[in-house]
Each structure stands twice: as C-alpha cells, then as structure tokens.
PDB file of N, CA and C in Angstrom:
ATOM      1  N   MET A   1       0.846  -1.184   0.000  1.00  0.00           N
ATOM      2  CA  MET A   1       0.000   0.000   0.000  1.00  0.00           C
ATOM      3  C   MET A   1       0.888   1.242   0.000  1.00  0.00           C
ATOM      4  N   ASP A   2       0.675   2.129  -0.938  1.00  0.00           N
ATOM      5  CA  ASP A   2       1.457   3.351  -1.033  1.00  0.00           C
ATOM      6  C   ASP A   2       1.101   4.315   0.092  1.00  0.00           C
ATOM      7  N   ASP A   3       2.083   5.072   0.504  1.00  0.00           N
ATOM      8  CA  ASP A   3       1.841   6.136   1.473  1.00  0.00           C
ATOM      9  C   ASP A   3       1.367   7.352   0.685  1.00  0.00           C
ATOM     10  N   PRO A   4       0.063   7.637   0.663  1.00  0.00           N
ATOM     11  CA  PRO A   4      -0.451   8.697  -0.208  1.00  0.00           C
ATOM     12  C   PRO A   4       0.086  10.080   0.142  1.00  0.00           C
ATOM     13  N   TYR A   5       0.230  10.385   1.413  1.00  0.00           N
ATOM     14  CA  TYR A   5       0.725  11.711   1.771  1.00  0.00           C
ATOM     15  C   TYR A   5       2.139  11.905   1.239  1.00  0.00           C
ATOM     16  N   PHE A   6       3.017  11.018   1.583  1.00  0.00           N
ATOM     17  CA  PHE A   6       4.418  11.173   1.186  1.00  0.00           C
ATOM     18  C   PHE A   6       4.564  11.171  -0.325  1.00  0.00           C
ATOM     19  N   ASN A   7       3.972  10.198  -0.971  1.00  0.00           N
ATOM     20  CA  ASN A   7       4.128  10.072  -2.422  1.00  0.00           C
ATOM     21  C   ASN A   7       3.466  11.214  -3.189  1.00  0.00           C
ATOM     22  N   ASN A   8       2.407  11.804  -2.655  1.00  0.00           N
ATOM     23  CA  ASN A   8       1.749  12.926  -3.333  1.00  0.00           C
ATOM     24  C   ASN A   8       2.480  14.246  -3.150  1.00  0.00           C
ATOM     25  N   TYR A   9       3.121  14.429  -2.020  1.00  0.00           N
ATOM     26  CA  TYR A   9       3.743  15.716  -1.721  1.00  0.00           C
ATOM     27  C   TYR A   9       5.245  15.748  -1.947  1.00  0.00           C
ATOM     28  N   PHE A  10       5.877  14.609  -1.993  1.00  0.00           N
ATOM     29  CA  PHE A  10       7.320  14.553  -2.236  1.00  0.00           C
ATOM     30  C   PHE A  10       7.533  13.771  -3.526  1.00  0.00           C
ATOM     31  N   HIS A  11       7.639  14.494  -4.615  1.00  0.00           N
ATOM     32  CA  HIS A  11       7.701  13.860  -5.930  1.00  0.00           C
ATOM     33  C   HIS A  11       9.060  13.242  -6.236  1.00  0.00           C
ATOM     34  N   THR A  12      10.096  13.706  -5.566  1.00  0.00           N
ATOM     35  CA  THR A  12      11.423  13.131  -5.766  1.00  0.00           C
ATOM     36  C   THR A  12      12.030  12.827  -4.405  1.00  0.00           C
ATOM     37  N   PHE A  13      12.138  11.554  -4.086  1.00  0.00           N
ATOM     38  CA  PHE A  13      12.811  11.114  -2.867  1.00  0.00           C
ATOM     39  C   PHE A  13      14.032  10.333  -3.320  1.00  0.00           C
ATOM     40  N   PHE A  14      15.181  10.966  -3.225  1.00  0.00           N
ATOM     41  CA  PHE A  14      16.425  10.425  -3.775  1.00  0.00           C
ATOM     42  C   PHE A  14      17.373  10.082  -2.646  1.00  0.00           C
ATOM     43  N   ARG A  15      17.898   8.870  -2.701  1.00  0.00           N
ATOM     44  CA  ARG A  15      18.865   8.410  -1.707  1.00  0.00           C
ATOM     45  C   ARG A  15      20.058   7.843  -2.439  1.00  0.00           C
ATOM     46  N   CYS A  16      21.235   8.118  -1.912  1.00  0.00           N
ATOM     47  CA  CYS A  16      22.437   7.568  -2.537  1.00  0.00           C
ATOM     48  C   CYS A  16      23.465   7.256  -1.458  1.00  0.00           C
ATOM     49  N   ILE A  17      24.395   6.402  -1.847  1.00  0.00           N
ATOM     50  CA  ILE A  17      25.452   5.998  -0.920  1.00  0.00           C
ATOM     51  C   ILE A  17      26.594   5.396  -1.728  1.00  0.00           C
ATOM     52  N   GLY A  18      27.759   5.373  -1.147  1.00  0.00           N
ATOM     53  CA  GLY A  18      28.900   4.724  -1.780  1.00  0.00           C
ATOM     54  C   GLY A  18      28.909   3.238  -1.478  1.00  0.00           C
ATOM     55  N   ASP A  19      29.436   2.461  -2.402  1.00  0.00           N
ATOM     56  CA  ASP A  19      29.445   1.008  -2.185  1.00  0.00           C
ATOM     57  C   ASP A  19      30.375   0.585  -1.046  1.00  0.00           C
ATOM     58  N   ASN A  20      31.300   1.454  -0.643  1.00  0.00           N
ATOM     59  CA  ASN A  20      32.178   1.175   0.499  1.00  0.00           C
ATOM     60  C   ASN A  20      31.893   2.096   1.685  1.00  0.00           C
ATOM     61  N   ASP A  21      30.731   2.710   1.722  1.00  0.00           N
ATOM     62  CA  ASP A  21      30.366   3.628   2.804  1.00  0.00           C
ATOM     63  C   ASP A  21      30.211   2.856   4.107  1.00  0.00           C
ATOM     64  N   CYS A  22      30.705   3.445   5.192  1.00  0.00           N
ATOM     65  CA  CYS A  22      30.613   2.786   6.495  1.00  0.00           C
ATOM     66  C   CYS A  22      29.171   2.702   7.002  1.00  0.00           C
ATOM     67  N   PHE A  23      28.258   3.452   6.394  1.00  0.00           N
ATOM     68  CA  PHE A  23      26.847   3.432   6.789  1.00  0.00           C
ATOM     69  C   PHE A  23      25.978   2.617   5.833  1.00  0.00           C
ATOM     70  N   ARG A  24      26.594   1.830   4.978  1.00  0.00           N
ATOM     71  CA  ARG A  24      25.829   1.089   3.966  1.00  0.00           C
ATOM     72  C   ARG A  24      24.834   0.105   4.591  1.00  0.00           C
ATOM     73  N   SER A  25      25.198  -0.548   5.677  1.00  0.00           N
ATOM     74  CA  SER A  25      24.268  -1.510   6.297  1.00  0.00           C
ATOM     75  C   SER A  25      23.007  -0.790   6.785  1.00  0.00           C
ATOM     76  N   ARG A  26      23.158   0.401   7.326  1.00  0.00           N
ATOM     77  CA  ARG A  26      21.988   1.181   7.769  1.00  0.00           C
ATOM     78  C   ARG A  26      21.144   1.606   6.571  1.00  0.00           C
ATOM     79  N   PHE A  27      21.799   1.986   5.490  1.00  0.00           N
ATOM     80  CA  PHE A  27      21.109   2.362   4.253  1.00  0.00           C
ATOM     81  C   PHE A  27      20.241   1.202   3.772  1.00  0.00           C
ATOM     82  N   LEU A  28      20.784  -0.004   3.811  1.00  0.00           N
ATOM     83  CA  LEU A  28      20.040  -1.183   3.370  1.00  0.00           C
ATOM     84  C   LEU A  28      18.881  -1.501   4.322  1.00  0.00           C
ATOM     85  N   GLU A  29      19.073  -1.284   5.616  1.00  0.00           N
ATOM     86  CA  GLU A  29      17.978  -1.465   6.576  1.00  0.00           C
ATOM     87  C   GLU A  29      16.844  -0.481   6.284  1.00  0.00           C
ATOM     88  N   GLU A  30      17.215   0.748   5.955  1.00  0.00           N
ATOM     89  CA  GLU A  30      16.202   1.757   5.624  1.00  0.00           C
ATOM     90  C   GLU A  30      15.447   1.383   4.355  1.00  0.00           C
ATOM     91  N   ASP A  31      16.113   0.707   3.417  1.00  0.00           N
ATOM     92  CA  ASP A  31      15.438   0.237   2.201  1.00  0.00           C
ATOM     93  C   ASP A  31      14.213  -0.600   2.541  1.00  0.00           C
ATOM     94  N   ALA A  32      14.372  -1.503   3.493  1.00  0.00           N
ATOM     95  CA  ALA A  32      13.262  -2.385   3.874  1.00  0.00           C
ATOM     96  C   ALA A  32      12.095  -1.578   4.445  1.00  0.00           C
ATOM     97  N   ILE A  33      12.396  -0.586   5.263  1.00  0.00           N
ATOM     98  CA  ILE A  33      11.344   0.248   5.855  1.00  0.00           C
ATOM     99  C   ILE A  33      10.630   1.044   4.767  1.00  0.00           C
ATOM    100  N   ILE A  34      11.397   1.619   3.859  1.00  0.00           N
ATOM    101  CA  ILE A  34      10.828   2.424   2.776  1.00  0.00           C
ATOM    102  C   ILE A  34       9.926   1.568   1.894  1.00  0.00           C
ATOM    103  N   GLN A  35      10.376   0.372   1.560  1.00  0.00           N
ATOM    104  CA  GLN A  35       9.563  -0.522   0.732  1.00  0.00           C
ATOM    105  C   GLN A  35       8.301  -0.945   1.473  1.00  0.00           C
ATOM    106  N   GLU A  36       8.436  -1.237   2.755  1.00  0.00           N
ATOM    107  CA  GLU A  36       7.278  -1.646   3.564  1.00  0.00           C
ATOM    108  C   GLU A  36       6.213  -0.550   3.602  1.00  0.00           C
ATOM    109  N   LYS A  37       6.643   0.699   3.654  1.00  0.00           N
ATOM    110  CA  LYS A  37       5.714   1.834   3.708  1.00  0.00           C
ATOM    111  C   LYS A  37       5.164   2.206   2.336  1.00  0.00           C
ATOM    112  N   GLY A  38       5.722   1.634   1.274  1.00  0.00           N
ATOM    113  CA  GLY A  38       5.244   1.928  -0.068  1.00  0.00           C
ATOM    114  C   GLY A  38       5.682   3.278  -0.600  1.00  0.00           C
ATOM    115  N   VAL A  39       6.750   3.803  -0.044  1.00  0.00           N
ATOM    116  CA  VAL A  39       7.255   5.100  -0.485  1.00  0.00           C
ATOM    117  C   VAL A  39       8.025   4.914  -1.791  1.00  0.00           C
ATOM    118  N   HIS A  40       7.749   5.788  -2.754  1.00  0.00           N
ATOM    119  CA  HIS A  40       8.464   5.744  -4.029  1.00  0.00           C
ATOM    120  C   HIS A  40       9.802   6.447  -3.854  1.00  0.00           C
ATOM    121  N   GLU A  41      10.852   5.800  -4.260  1.00  0.00           N
ATOM    122  CA  GLU A  41      12.180   6.385  -4.108  1.00  0.00           C
ATOM    123  C   GLU A  41      13.022   6.140  -5.349  1.00  0.00           C
ATOM    124  N   ILE A  42      14.026   6.959  -5.476  1.00  0.00           N
ATOM    125  CA  ILE A  42      15.079   6.753  -6.461  1.00  0.00           C
ATOM    126  C   ILE A  42      16.340   6.584  -5.635  1.00  0.00           C
ATOM    127  N   ARG A  43      17.039   5.492  -5.825  1.00  0.00           N
ATOM    128  CA  ARG A  43      18.255   5.264  -5.050  1.00  0.00           C
ATOM    129  C   ARG A  43      19.380   4.863  -5.975  1.00  0.00           C
ATOM    130  N   LYS A  44      20.566   5.295  -5.626  1.00  0.00           N
ATOM    131  CA  LYS A  44      21.745   4.959  -6.413  1.00  0.00           C
ATOM    132  C   LYS A  44      22.890   4.611  -5.476  1.00  0.00           C
ATOM    133  N   ILE A  45      23.692   3.678  -5.934  1.00  0.00           N
ATOM    134  CA  ILE A  45      24.910   3.324  -5.221  1.00  0.00           C
ATOM    135  C   ILE A  45      26.075   3.659  -6.141  1.00  0.00           C
ATOM    136  N   TYR A  46      26.963   4.504  -5.636  1.00  0.00           N
ATOM    137  CA  TYR A  46      28.117   4.967  -6.405  1.00  0.00           C
ATOM    138  C   TYR A  46      29.373   4.256  -5.914  1.00  0.00           C
ATOM    139  N   PRO A  47      30.380   4.159  -6.763  1.00  0.00           N
ATOM    140  CA  PRO A  47      31.646   3.597  -6.294  1.00  0.00           C
ATOM    141  C   PRO A  47      32.318   4.573  -5.323  1.00  0.00           C
ATOM    142  N   GLY A  48      32.730   4.072  -4.180  1.00  0.00           N
ATOM    143  CA  GLY A  48      33.436   4.920  -3.223  1.00  0.00           C
ATOM    144  C   GLY A  48      32.919   4.760  -1.816  1.00  0.00           C
ATOM    145  N   GLY A  49      33.432   5.610  -0.945  1.00  0.00           N
ATOM    146  CA  GLY A  49      33.087   5.536   0.468  1.00  0.00           C
ATOM    147  C   GLY A  49      32.200   6.676   0.914  1.00  0.00           C
ATOM    148  N   HIS A  50      32.421   7.111   2.154  1.00  0.00           N
ATOM    149  CA  HIS A  50      31.636   8.192   2.756  1.00  0.00           C
ATOM    150  C   HIS A  50      32.428   9.489   2.579  1.00  0.00           C
ATOM    151  N   ASP A  51      32.466   9.976   1.337  1.00  0.00           N
ATOM    152  CA  ASP A  51      33.307  11.132   1.035  1.00  0.00           C
ATOM    153  C   ASP A  51      32.829  11.846  -0.229  1.00  0.00           C
ATOM    154  N   TRP A  52      33.539  12.913  -0.574  1.00  0.00           N
ATOM    155  CA  TRP A  52      33.142  13.748  -1.708  1.00  0.00           C
ATOM    156  C   TRP A  52      33.214  13.034  -3.044  1.00  0.00           C
ATOM    157  N   ASN A  53      33.969  11.956  -3.145  1.00  0.00           N
ATOM    158  CA  ASN A  53      34.006  11.197  -4.400  1.00  0.00           C
ATOM    159  C   ASN A  53      32.646  10.572  -4.704  1.00  0.00           C
ATOM    160  N   VAL A  54      31.832  10.398  -3.691  1.00  0.00           N
ATOM    161  CA  VAL A  54      30.459   9.898  -3.850  1.00  0.00           C
ATOM    162  C   VAL A  54      29.472  11.064  -3.839  1.00  0.00           C
ATOM    163  N   TRP A  55      29.643  11.976  -2.903  1.00  0.00           N
ATOM    164  CA  TRP A  55      28.672  13.060  -2.731  1.00  0.00           C
ATOM    165  C   TRP A  55      28.598  13.979  -3.949  1.00  0.00           C
ATOM    166  N   ARG A  56      29.732  14.213  -4.590  1.00  0.00           N
ATOM    167  CA  ARG A  56      29.740  15.111  -5.758  1.00  0.00           C
ATOM    168  C   ARG A  56      28.852  14.584  -6.885  1.00  0.00           C
ATOM    169  N   PRO A  57      29.050  13.338  -7.355  1.00  0.00           N
ATOM    170  CA  PRO A  57      28.153  12.844  -8.411  1.00  0.00           C
ATOM    171  C   PRO A  57      26.717  12.650  -7.917  1.00  0.00           C
ATOM    172  N   CYS A  58      26.569  12.357  -6.643  1.00  0.00           N
ATOM    173  CA  CYS A  58      25.225  12.228  -6.071  1.00  0.00           C
ATOM    174  C   CYS A  58      24.490  13.564  -6.171  1.00  0.00           C
ATOM    175  N   PHE A  59      25.153  14.634  -5.770  1.00  0.00           N
ATOM    176  CA  PHE A  59      24.532  15.957  -5.840  1.00  0.00           C
ATOM    177  C   PHE A  59      24.210  16.333  -7.285  1.00  0.00           C
ATOM    178  N   THR A  60      25.129  16.047  -8.192  1.00  0.00           N
ATOM    179  CA  THR A  60      24.906  16.361  -9.607  1.00  0.00           C
ATOM    180  C   THR A  60      23.670  15.642 -10.129  1.00  0.00           C
ATOM    181  N   ASP A  61      23.549  14.357  -9.836  1.00  0.00           N
ATOM    182  CA  ASP A  61      22.385  13.586 -10.288  1.00  0.00           C
ATOM    183  C   ASP A  61      21.094  14.119  -9.670  1.00  0.00           C
ATOM    184  N   PHE A  62      21.133  14.426  -8.378  1.00  0.00           N
ATOM    185  CA  PHE A  62      19.946  14.934  -7.694  1.00  0.00           C
ATOM    186  C   PHE A  62      19.525  16.291  -8.254  1.00  0.00           C
ATOM    187  N   ALA A  63      20.483  17.178  -8.452  1.00  0.00           N
ATOM    188  CA  ALA A  63      20.165  18.511  -8.975  1.00  0.00           C
ATOM    189  C   ALA A  63      19.520  18.417 -10.351  1.00  0.00           C
ATOM    190  N   GLN A  64      19.996  17.507 -11.177  1.00  0.00           N
ATOM    191  CA  GLN A  64      19.406  17.347 -12.507  1.00  0.00           C
ATOM    192  C   GLN A  64      17.972  16.833 -12.424  1.00  0.00           C
ATOM    193  N   MET A  65      17.669  16.048 -11.410  1.00  0.00           N
ATOM    194  CA  MET A  65      16.301  15.544 -11.245  1.00  0.00           C
ATOM    195  C   MET A  65      15.331  16.640 -10.825  1.00  0.00           C
ATOM    196  N   ILE A  66      15.762  17.500  -9.913  1.00  0.00           N
ATOM    197  CA  ILE A  66      14.811  18.476  -9.373  1.00  0.00           C
ATOM    198  C   ILE A  66      14.719  19.753 -10.195  1.00  0.00           C
ATOM    199  N   PHE A  67      15.685  20.012 -11.072  1.00  0.00           N
ATOM    200  CA  PHE A  67      15.667  21.235 -11.873  1.00  0.00           C
ATOM    201  C   PHE A  67      15.363  20.984 -13.337  1.00  0.00           C
ATOM    202  N   ARG A  68      14.691  19.890 -13.653  1.00  0.00           N
ATOM    203  CA  ARG A  68      14.338  19.661 -15.059  1.00  0.00           C
ATOM    204  C   ARG A  68      12.968  20.165 -15.361  1.00  0.00           C
TER     205      ARG A  68
END
C-alpha cells in the first residue's frame, strides 16, 4: 500500500550511498522500511566511500532531477 501523503507531496525522494560507505548496512535497513511503507524512491549506489568522491556525483544527479 502506497503512502499517499508522502508520495503525493514529495515527488522526488532520492537516496544515494557509496558502495564502500561505512553506513551502507543502515542504508540497506532503511530500504526495507521504505519498501514496507510503499514510499516511491530513487536510489543509487556509487563507487566509493563516505566522502566527496560519492557526494559530488550524487549531488549532480539529484540537482538534474529536481531542476528539469
């Protein structure tokens, strides 16, 4: 069952993380909660850790989604 409030008011819910990020296990746990709630999301996993090598392309991708 979709969460109508969240999905109607937040048209872009974007999550990203590096494949070697120290918080990746928590990110994956959150995936289960998000799916259970029926929230629509866009998620990407980039090569790298918890640093600007991941955040920079993540920000670029996100900015292109919200400013189109």
